[in-house]
């Protein structure tokens, strides 16, 4: 076996603890669920996992090390990601201003195309270059070159990480979406939900732009 079962179990436990921490992905999925409903929250979780799959492949191919070696490229990706999150924040605040207005009505999940929700989550995850750097720092602790291909072990660990992360993110997105649906219906509550989502997106943008470590 490429990965020792006990090592895999320890890795999954560590992945679970990290997935439960309120990081950017979990906050993004939760905010999406709150503002757009449970289906959107679930789709956001799937989009984040798709991004993690790309990061896993890149780490296995060594692209993460190359990205880390060129600070200018790393910074460019980080700034683009921050700008994209700012756009999402603006959209959320715009929806907050429209909520409860008769000619617009409440902004509901059905009005947001599923592909757009998925794409937003995917791009948001891919635009955070620190994810792949995290992979390069964390995964090697569970890799044993004597057991076979290091790249293959990266892929296996990445798959385990995605499964664990998707379980947590999907549950959070669904619960947040149901909470949002339960509270939605009045203009004031609608505005608050979108303002909360916009605030989360804006905070994530500031965090990504300011984190130069």
C-alpha atoms as a PDB file:
ATOM      1  CA  UNK A   1       0.000   0.000   0.000  1.00  0.00           C
ATOM      2  CA  UNK A   2       1.185   3.487  -0.815  1.00  0.00           C
ATOM      3  CA  UNK A   3      -0.034   4.868   2.525  1.00  0.00           C
ATOM      4  CA  UNK A   4       0.120   2.962   5.794  1.00  0.00           C
ATOM      5  CA  UNK A   5      -3.456   2.654   7.197  1.00  0.00           C
ATOM      6  CA  UNK A   6      -2.428   4.095  10.565  1.00  0.00           C
ATOM      7  CA  UNK A   7      -0.739   7.024   8.839  1.00  0.00           C
ATOM      8  CA  UNK A   8      -3.852   7.541   6.710  1.00  0.00           C
ATOM      9  CA  UNK A   9      -6.035   7.543   9.821  1.00  0.00           C
ATOM     10  CA  UNK A  10      -3.795  10.111  11.526  1.00  0.00           C
ATOM     11  CA  UNK A  11      -3.834  12.219   8.366  1.00  0.00           C
ATOM     12  CA  UNK A  12      -7.644  12.121   8.158  1.00  0.00           C
ATOM     13  CA  UNK A  13      -7.957  13.167  11.796  1.00  0.00           C
ATOM     14  CA  UNK A  14      -5.591  16.094  11.244  1.00  0.00           C
ATOM     15  CA  UNK A  15      -7.486  17.019   8.067  1.00  0.00           C
ATOM     16  CA  UNK A  16     -10.783  16.940   9.961  1.00  0.00           C
ATOM     17  CA  UNK A  17      -9.496  19.237  12.680  1.00  0.00           C
ATOM     18  CA  UNK A  18      -8.181  21.683  10.091  1.00  0.00           C
ATOM     19  CA  UNK A  19     -11.406  21.525   8.073  1.00  0.00           C
ATOM     20  CA  UNK A  20     -13.464  22.343  11.170  1.00  0.00           C
ATOM     21  CA  UNK A  21     -11.381  25.473  11.809  1.00  0.00           C
ATOM     22  CA  UNK A  22     -13.067  28.599  10.367  1.00  0.00           C
ATOM     23  CA  UNK A  23     -10.712  29.040   7.434  1.00  0.00           C
ATOM     24  CA  UNK A  24     -11.354  30.883   4.143  1.00  0.00           C
ATOM     25  CA  UNK A  25     -13.023  27.939   2.384  1.00  0.00           C
ATOM     26  CA  UNK A  26     -15.416  27.149   5.230  1.00  0.00           C
ATOM     27  CA  UNK A  27     -16.303  30.821   5.680  1.00  0.00           C
ATOM     28  CA  UNK A  28     -16.896  31.231   1.949  1.00  0.00           C
ATOM     29  CA  UNK A  29     -19.169  28.185   1.771  1.00  0.00           C
ATOM     30  CA  UNK A  30     -21.099  29.264   4.876  1.00  0.00           C
ATOM     31  CA  UNK A  31     -21.577  32.792   3.576  1.00  0.00           C
ATOM     32  CA  UNK A  32     -22.779  31.463   0.225  1.00  0.00           C
ATOM     33  CA  UNK A  33     -25.286  29.179   1.934  1.00  0.00           C
ATOM     34  CA  UNK A  34     -26.609  31.970   4.130  1.00  0.00           C
ATOM     35  CA  UNK A  35     -27.188  34.350   1.251  1.00  0.00           C
ATOM     36  CA  UNK A  36     -28.311  31.943  -1.479  1.00  0.00           C
ATOM     37  CA  UNK A  37     -29.748  28.826   0.143  1.00  0.00           C
ATOM     38  CA  UNK A  38     -28.732  25.211   0.835  1.00  0.00           C
ATOM     39  CA  UNK A  39     -28.258  24.182  -2.795  1.00  0.00           C
ATOM     40  CA  UNK A  40     -25.860  27.063  -3.354  1.00  0.00           C
ATOM     41  CA  UNK A  41     -24.022  26.166  -0.139  1.00  0.00           C
ATOM     42  CA  UNK A  42     -23.612  22.587  -1.327  1.00  0.00           C
ATOM     43  CA  UNK A  43     -22.460  23.674  -4.780  1.00  0.00           C
ATOM     44  CA  UNK A  44     -19.942  26.039  -3.190  1.00  0.00           C
ATOM     45  CA  UNK A  45     -18.546  23.130  -1.179  1.00  0.00           C
ATOM     46  CA  UNK A  46     -18.193  21.067  -4.365  1.00  0.00           C
ATOM     47  CA  UNK A  47     -16.496  23.993  -6.105  1.00  0.00           C
ATOM     48  CA  UNK A  48     -13.999  24.354  -3.268  1.00  0.00           C
ATOM     49  CA  UNK A  49     -13.253  20.622  -3.461  1.00  0.00           C
ATOM     50  CA  UNK A  50     -12.696  20.902  -7.207  1.00  0.00           C
ATOM     51  CA  UNK A  51     -10.173  23.636  -6.497  1.00  0.00           C
ATOM     52  CA  UNK A  52      -8.443  21.416  -3.969  1.00  0.00           C
ATOM     53  CA  UNK A  53      -8.234  18.682  -6.612  1.00  0.00           C
ATOM     54  CA  UNK A  54      -6.395  21.094  -8.901  1.00  0.00           C
ATOM     55  CA  UNK A  55      -4.073  22.091  -6.054  1.00  0.00           C
ATOM     56  CA  UNK A  56      -3.404  18.412  -5.347  1.00  0.00           C
ATOM     57  CA  UNK A  57      -2.434  17.753  -8.951  1.00  0.00           C
ATOM     58  CA  UNK A  58      -0.234  20.833  -9.027  1.00  0.00           C
ATOM     59  CA  UNK A  59       1.517  19.857  -5.803  1.00  0.00           C
ATOM     60  CA  UNK A  60       2.091  16.330  -7.105  1.00  0.00           C
ATOM     61  CA  UNK A  61       3.638  17.766 -10.268  1.00  0.00           C
ATOM     62  CA  UNK A  62       5.858  20.161  -8.326  1.00  0.00           C
ATOM     63  CA  UNK A  63       4.162  23.343  -9.532  1.00  0.00           C
ATOM     64  CA  UNK A  64       3.664  24.528  -5.977  1.00  0.00           C
ATOM     65  CA  UNK A  65       7.395  24.611  -5.344  1.00  0.00           C
ATOM     66  CA  UNK A  66       7.868  26.582  -8.549  1.00  0.00           C
ATOM     67  CA  UNK A  67       5.170  29.068  -7.554  1.00  0.00           C
ATOM     68  CA  UNK A  68       6.761  29.508  -4.133  1.00  0.00           C
ATOM     69  CA  UNK A  69      10.146  30.088  -5.778  1.00  0.00           C
ATOM     70  CA  UNK A  70       8.830  33.067  -7.749  1.00  0.00           C
ATOM     71  CA  UNK A  71       7.424  35.639  -5.288  1.00  0.00           C
ATOM     72  CA  UNK A  72       6.123  37.890  -8.072  1.00  0.00           C
ATOM     73  CA  UNK A  73       3.882  35.150  -9.458  1.00  0.00           C
ATOM     74  CA  UNK A  74       2.757  34.235  -5.961  1.00  0.00           C
ATOM     75  CA  UNK A  75       1.847  37.862  -5.231  1.00  0.00           C
ATOM     76  CA  UNK A  76       0.030  38.265  -8.554  1.00  0.00           C
ATOM     77  CA  UNK A  77      -2.215  35.267  -7.888  1.00  0.00           C
ATOM     78  CA  UNK A  78      -2.876  36.484  -4.353  1.00  0.00           C
ATOM     79  CA  UNK A  79      -3.876  39.987  -5.502  1.00  0.00           C
ATOM     80  CA  UNK A  80      -6.123  38.640  -8.261  1.00  0.00           C
ATOM     81  CA  UNK A  81      -7.847  36.432  -5.700  1.00  0.00           C
ATOM     82  CA  UNK A  82      -8.360  39.364  -3.345  1.00  0.00           C
ATOM     83  CA  UNK A  83      -9.848  41.478  -6.156  1.00  0.00           C
ATOM     84  CA  UNK A  84     -12.246  38.677  -7.072  1.00  0.00           C
ATOM     85  CA  UNK A  85     -13.435  38.438  -3.470  1.00  0.00           C
ATOM     86  CA  UNK A  86     -13.998  42.202  -3.455  1.00  0.00           C
ATOM     87  CA  UNK A  87     -16.240  41.790  -6.511  1.00  0.00           C
ATOM     88  CA  UNK A  88     -18.254  39.114  -4.700  1.00  0.00           C
ATOM     89  CA  UNK A  89     -18.549  41.412  -1.675  1.00  0.00           C
ATOM     90  CA  UNK A  90     -19.867  44.231  -3.872  1.00  0.00           C
ATOM     91  CA  UNK A  91     -22.433  41.874  -5.422  1.00  0.00           C
ATOM     92  CA  UNK A  92     -23.574  40.767  -1.962  1.00  0.00           C
ATOM     93  CA  UNK A  93     -23.939  44.365  -0.750  1.00  0.00           C
ATOM     94  CA  UNK A  94     -25.845  45.217  -3.940  1.00  0.00           C
ATOM     95  CA  UNK A  95     -28.209  42.321  -3.280  1.00  0.00           C
ATOM     96  CA  UNK A  96     -28.631  43.614   0.276  1.00  0.00           C
ATOM     97  CA  UNK A  97     -29.705  46.998  -1.081  1.00  0.00           C
ATOM     98  CA  UNK A  98     -32.222  45.351  -3.416  1.00  0.00           C
ATOM     99  CA  UNK A  99     -33.673  42.958  -0.839  1.00  0.00           C
ATOM    100  CA  UNK A 100     -37.257  43.714   0.039  1.00  0.00           C
ATOM    101  CA  UNK A 101     -37.692  46.237  -2.774  1.00  0.00           C
ATOM    102  CA  UNK A 102     -40.956  45.323  -4.581  1.00  0.00           C
ATOM    103  CA  UNK A 103     -39.618  45.562  -8.136  1.00  0.00           C
ATOM    104  CA  UNK A 104     -36.751  43.258  -7.308  1.00  0.00           C
ATOM    105  CA  UNK A 105     -38.073  41.067  -4.515  1.00  0.00           C
ATOM    106  CA  UNK A 106     -35.890  38.786  -2.405  1.00  0.00           C
ATOM    107  CA  UNK A 107     -32.781  37.459  -4.084  1.00  0.00           C
ATOM    108  CA  UNK A 108     -33.174  33.704  -3.867  1.00  0.00           C
ATOM    109  CA  UNK A 109     -30.918  30.762  -4.583  1.00  0.00           C
ATOM    110  CA  UNK A 110     -32.891  29.812  -7.702  1.00  0.00           C
ATOM    111  CA  UNK A 111     -31.875  33.120  -9.315  1.00  0.00           C
ATOM    112  CA  UNK A 112     -28.195  32.241  -9.082  1.00  0.00           C
ATOM    113  CA  UNK A 113     -27.225  29.742 -11.815  1.00  0.00           C
ATOM    114  CA  UNK A 114     -25.676  26.599 -10.281  1.00  0.00           C
ATOM    115  CA  UNK A 115     -22.679  26.797 -12.610  1.00  0.00           C
ATOM    116  CA  UNK A 116     -21.981  30.340 -11.445  1.00  0.00           C
ATOM    117  CA  UNK A 117     -22.043  29.315  -7.790  1.00  0.00           C
ATOM    118  CA  UNK A 118     -19.680  26.417  -8.538  1.00  0.00           C
ATOM    119  CA  UNK A 119     -17.361  28.638 -10.587  1.00  0.00           C
ATOM    120  CA  UNK A 120     -17.189  31.286  -7.863  1.00  0.00           C
ATOM    121  CA  UNK A 121     -16.122  28.720  -5.276  1.00  0.00           C
ATOM    122  CA  UNK A 122     -13.633  27.123  -7.662  1.00  0.00           C
ATOM    123  CA  UNK A 123     -12.007  30.429  -8.609  1.00  0.00           C
ATOM    124  CA  UNK A 124     -11.935  31.623  -5.000  1.00  0.00           C
ATOM    125  CA  UNK A 125     -10.073  28.485  -3.923  1.00  0.00           C
ATOM    126  CA  UNK A 126      -7.677  28.507  -6.897  1.00  0.00           C
ATOM    127  CA  UNK A 127      -6.930  32.195  -6.360  1.00  0.00           C
ATOM    128  CA  UNK A 128      -5.462  31.465  -2.933  1.00  0.00           C
ATOM    129  CA  UNK A 129      -1.891  30.325  -3.674  1.00  0.00           C
ATOM    130  CA  UNK A 130      -1.261  29.565  -0.009  1.00  0.00           C
ATOM    131  CA  UNK A 131      -3.335  26.410  -0.364  1.00  0.00           C
ATOM    132  CA  UNK A 132      -0.724  24.723  -2.515  1.00  0.00           C
ATOM    133  CA  UNK A 133       2.057  25.955  -0.236  1.00  0.00           C
ATOM    134  CA  UNK A 134       0.159  24.404   2.666  1.00  0.00           C
ATOM    135  CA  UNK A 135       0.058  21.138   0.757  1.00  0.00           C
ATOM    136  CA  UNK A 136       3.811  21.230   0.289  1.00  0.00           C
ATOM    137  CA  UNK A 137       4.359  21.895   3.997  1.00  0.00           C
ATOM    138  CA  UNK A 138       1.788  19.488   5.437  1.00  0.00           C
ATOM    139  CA  UNK A 139       1.616  16.450   3.178  1.00  0.00           C
ATOM    140  CA  UNK A 140       5.315  15.445   3.273  1.00  0.00           C
ATOM    141  CA  UNK A 141       4.941  14.680   6.983  1.00  0.00           C
ATOM    142  CA  UNK A 142       2.773  11.699   5.993  1.00  0.00           C
ATOM    143  CA  UNK A 143       4.746  10.565   2.943  1.00  0.00           C
ATOM    144  CA  UNK A 144       7.227   7.689   3.027  1.00  0.00           C
ATOM    145  CA  UNK A 145       9.379   7.525  -0.139  1.00  0.00           C
ATOM    146  CA  UNK A 146      10.175   3.878   0.628  1.00  0.00           C
ATOM    147  CA  UNK A 147       6.530   2.950  -0.028  1.00  0.00           C
ATOM    148  CA  UNK A 148       6.544   4.064  -3.650  1.00  0.00           C
ATOM    149  CA  UNK A 149       5.944   7.106  -5.830  1.00  0.00           C
ATOM    150  CA  UNK A 150       5.893  10.361  -3.872  1.00  0.00           C
ATOM    151  CA  UNK A 151       3.620  11.946  -6.490  1.00  0.00           C
ATOM    152  CA  UNK A 152       1.157   9.065  -6.156  1.00  0.00           C
ATOM    153  CA  UNK A 153       1.180   9.423  -2.374  1.00  0.00           C
ATOM    154  CA  UNK A 154       0.480  13.148  -2.798  1.00  0.00           C
ATOM    155  CA  UNK A 155      -2.546  12.263  -4.921  1.00  0.00           C
ATOM    156  CA  UNK A 156      -3.857   9.727  -2.386  1.00  0.00           C
ATOM    157  CA  UNK A 157      -3.441  12.143   0.506  1.00  0.00           C
ATOM    158  CA  UNK A 158      -5.028  14.885  -1.551  1.00  0.00           C
ATOM    159  CA  UNK A 159      -8.037  12.679  -2.235  1.00  0.00           C
ATOM    160  CA  UNK A 160      -8.408  11.924   1.467  1.00  0.00           C
ATOM    161  CA  UNK A 161      -8.107  15.625   2.302  1.00  0.00           C
ATOM    162  CA  UNK A 162     -10.788  16.476  -0.266  1.00  0.00           C
ATOM    163  CA  UNK A 163     -13.197  13.832   1.044  1.00  0.00           C
ATOM    164  CA  UNK A 164     -12.819  15.066   4.618  1.00  0.00           C
ATOM    165  CA  UNK A 165     -13.021  18.725   3.616  1.00  0.00           C
ATOM    166  CA  UNK A 166     -16.032  18.188   1.370  1.00  0.00           C
ATOM    167  CA  UNK A 167     -17.900  16.436   4.189  1.00  0.00           C
ATOM    168  CA  UNK A 168     -17.369  19.381   6.529  1.00  0.00           C
ATOM    169  CA  UNK A 169     -17.963  22.094   3.910  1.00  0.00           C
ATOM    170  CA  UNK A 170     -21.075  20.427   2.486  1.00  0.00           C
ATOM    171  CA  UNK A 171     -22.610  20.054   5.945  1.00  0.00           C
ATOM    172  CA  UNK A 172     -21.827  23.686   6.744  1.00  0.00           C
ATOM    173  CA  UNK A 173     -23.198  24.919   3.424  1.00  0.00           C
ATOM    174  CA  UNK A 174     -26.434  22.967   3.817  1.00  0.00           C
ATOM    175  CA  UNK A 175     -26.974  24.031   7.429  1.00  0.00           C
ATOM    176  CA  UNK A 176     -26.199  27.666   6.635  1.00  0.00           C
ATOM    177  CA  UNK A 177     -28.528  27.516   3.646  1.00  0.00           C
ATOM    178  CA  UNK A 178     -31.384  26.090   5.689  1.00  0.00           C
ATOM    179  CA  UNK A 179     -30.813  28.712   8.357  1.00  0.00           C
ATOM    180  CA  UNK A 180     -30.869  31.398   5.705  1.00  0.00           C
ATOM    181  CA  UNK A 181     -34.097  30.027   4.225  1.00  0.00           C
ATOM    182  CA  UNK A 182     -35.693  29.906   7.680  1.00  0.00           C
ATOM    183  CA  UNK A 183     -34.812  33.530   8.325  1.00  0.00           C
ATOM    184  CA  UNK A 184     -35.435  34.771   4.809  1.00  0.00           C
ATOM    185  CA  UNK A 185     -38.745  36.342   3.813  1.00  0.00           C
ATOM    186  CA  UNK A 186     -38.632  39.770   5.381  1.00  0.00           C
ATOM    187  CA  UNK A 187     -36.753  42.617   3.813  1.00  0.00           C
ATOM    188  CA  UNK A 188     -34.694  43.423   6.900  1.00  0.00           C
ATOM    189  CA  UNK A 189     -33.602  39.809   7.448  1.00  0.00           C
ATOM    190  CA  UNK A 190     -32.823  39.490   3.727  1.00  0.00           C
ATOM    191  CA  UNK A 191     -30.606  42.545   3.906  1.00  0.00           C
ATOM    192  CA  UNK A 192     -28.808  41.299   7.025  1.00  0.00           C
ATOM    193  CA  UNK A 193     -28.042  37.925   5.394  1.00  0.00           C
ATOM    194  CA  UNK A 194     -26.523  39.564   2.329  1.00  0.00           C
ATOM    195  CA  UNK A 195     -24.620  42.111   4.426  1.00  0.00           C
ATOM    196  CA  UNK A 196     -23.150  39.265   6.487  1.00  0.00           C
ATOM    197  CA  UNK A 197     -22.105  37.453   3.318  1.00  0.00           C
ATOM    198  CA  UNK A 198     -20.603  40.600   1.822  1.00  0.00           C
ATOM    199  CA  UNK A 199     -18.726  41.288   5.038  1.00  0.00           C
ATOM    200  CA  UNK A 200     -17.256  37.773   5.010  1.00  0.00           C
ATOM    201  CA  UNK A 201     -16.160  38.119   1.371  1.00  0.00           C
ATOM    202  CA  UNK A 202     -14.627  41.540   2.066  1.00  0.00           C
ATOM    203  CA  UNK A 203     -12.806  40.257   5.160  1.00  0.00           C
ATOM    204  CA  UNK A 204     -11.407  37.313   3.191  1.00  0.00           C
ATOM    205  CA  UNK A 205     -10.222  39.735   0.486  1.00  0.00           C
ATOM    206  CA  UNK A 206      -8.410  41.890   3.041  1.00  0.00           C
ATOM    207  CA  UNK A 207      -6.884  38.835   4.675  1.00  0.00           C
ATOM    208  CA  UNK A 208      -5.638  37.458   1.368  1.00  0.00           C
ATOM    209  CA  UNK A 209      -4.267  40.790   0.174  1.00  0.00           C
ATOM    210  CA  UNK A 210      -2.569  41.622   3.485  1.00  0.00           C
ATOM    211  CA  UNK A 211      -1.052  38.196   4.131  1.00  0.00           C
ATOM    212  CA  UNK A 212       2.430  38.529   2.649  1.00  0.00           C
ATOM    213  CA  UNK A 213       4.026  35.717   4.625  1.00  0.00           C
END
